[in-house]
Protein backbone atom coordinates (compact mmCIF):
# COMPACT_ATOMS: atom_id res chain seq x y z
CA MET A 1 -0.04 -0.07 -0.10
CA THR A 2 1.23 3.51 -0.80
CA GLY A 3 1.26 6.36 1.48
CA HIS A 4 -1.04 8.39 -0.97
CA GLN A 5 -3.23 4.72 -0.47
CA ARG A 6 -2.86 5.10 3.12
CA GLU A 7 -4.20 8.48 3.08
CA LEU A 8 -6.80 8.13 1.57
CA GLU A 9 -7.97 5.36 3.65
CA GLN A 10 -7.67 7.13 6.73
CA ARG A 11 -9.14 10.05 5.24
CA ARG A 12 -11.84 7.67 4.13
CA ARG A 13 -12.08 6.18 7.95
CA ARG A 14 -12.06 10.00 10.08
CA LEU A 15 -14.91 10.65 7.44
CA VAL A 16 -17.02 7.68 8.02
CA GLU A 17 -16.71 8.47 11.92
CA ARG A 18 -17.94 12.25 11.39
CA SER A 19 -20.63 11.04 9.61
CA ALA A 20 -21.55 8.41 11.95
CA VAL A 21 -21.57 11.46 14.70
CA GLN A 22 -23.79 13.96 12.75
CA ARG A 23 -25.90 10.82 12.21
CA ALA A 24 -26.62 10.43 16.02
CA ALA A 25 -26.67 13.92 16.83
CA LEU A 26 -29.66 14.51 13.97
CA ALA A 27 -31.20 11.39 15.28
CA ALA A 28 -31.50 12.44 18.80
CA ARG A 29 -32.56 15.79 17.59
CA LEU A 30 -35.74 14.59 15.75
CA ALA A 31 -36.86 11.67 18.20
CA PRO A 32 -39.45 14.11 19.28
CA VAL A 33 -40.64 15.15 15.62
CA VAL A 34 -40.16 11.14 14.69
CA SER A 35 -42.42 10.24 17.16
CA ARG A 36 -45.29 12.94 16.30
CA LEU A 37 -45.07 11.27 12.94
CA ALA A 38 -45.60 8.09 14.41
CA THR A 39 -48.58 8.97 16.01
CA VAL A 40 -50.20 11.14 12.74
CA ASP A 41 -49.24 7.93 11.02
CA ARG A 42 -51.49 6.21 13.45
CA VAL A 43 -54.41 8.00 13.23
CA ARG A 44 -54.20 8.21 9.45
CA ASP A 45 -54.03 4.45 9.11
CA THR A 46 -57.00 4.60 11.82
CA LEU A 47 -58.98 6.77 9.18
CA ARG A 48 -58.34 4.91 6.43
CA ARG A 49 -59.77 1.44 7.78
CA TYR A 50 -62.58 3.44 8.86
CA PRO A 51 -63.96 5.47 6.30
CA VAL A 52 -67.20 5.01 7.55
CA GLY A 53 -67.23 5.64 10.83
CA VAL A 54 -65.45 9.12 9.70
CA VAL A 55 -67.95 10.12 7.19
CA ALA A 56 -70.46 9.50 10.08
CA ILE A 57 -68.32 11.44 12.47
CA ALA A 58 -67.77 14.56 10.15
CA ALA A 59 -71.94 14.67 9.33
CA GLY A 60 -72.25 14.36 13.45
CA PHE A 61 -70.11 17.36 13.67
CA GLY A 62 -71.59 19.31 10.58
CA VAL A 63 -75.38 18.44 11.71
CA LEU A 64 -74.96 18.72 15.30
CA GLY A 65 -72.44 20.42 16.08
CA TRP A 66 -70.04 20.23 18.62
CA GLN A 67 -71.57 19.59 21.49
CA GLY A 68 -74.23 17.69 19.87
CA THR A 69 -71.89 14.93 18.76
CA LEU A 70 -69.81 15.09 21.26
CA SER A 71 -73.04 14.47 24.12
CA LEU A 72 -74.04 11.73 21.25
CA ALA A 73 -71.12 10.12 21.28
CA ALA A 74 -70.94 9.83 25.41
CA ARG A 75 -74.59 8.53 24.99
CA LEU A 76 -73.72 5.69 22.15
CA PHE A 77 -70.46 4.86 23.85
CA SER A 78 -72.25 4.53 27.19
CA LEU A 79 -74.40 2.02 25.59
CA TYR A 80 -71.89 0.23 24.16
CA ALA A 81 -70.78 -0.50 27.49
CA LEU A 82 -73.99 -1.51 28.70
CA LEU A 83 -74.43 -4.19 25.63
CA ARG A 84 -70.96 -5.42 26.03
CA ARG A 85 -71.71 -6.08 29.59
CA SER A 86 -74.36 -8.23 29.17
């Protein structure tokens, strides 16, 4: 191995080490964002899985408004919980 090749190999090793440190720092800085994006992905997947439910909720907000929809949802949840116990 020539002196030039050794120099290139050392330079390559330093660059790889520097890149690893930068990647780790970037991952640490982005950890909160990644967590939030994971939550958004779960919500998106749920919405895709239950499109009829999404439409029903949107229609409820449109027809009943915020309070009316929440009141109806609370009543339906109570009914569901009672029927589930039986």
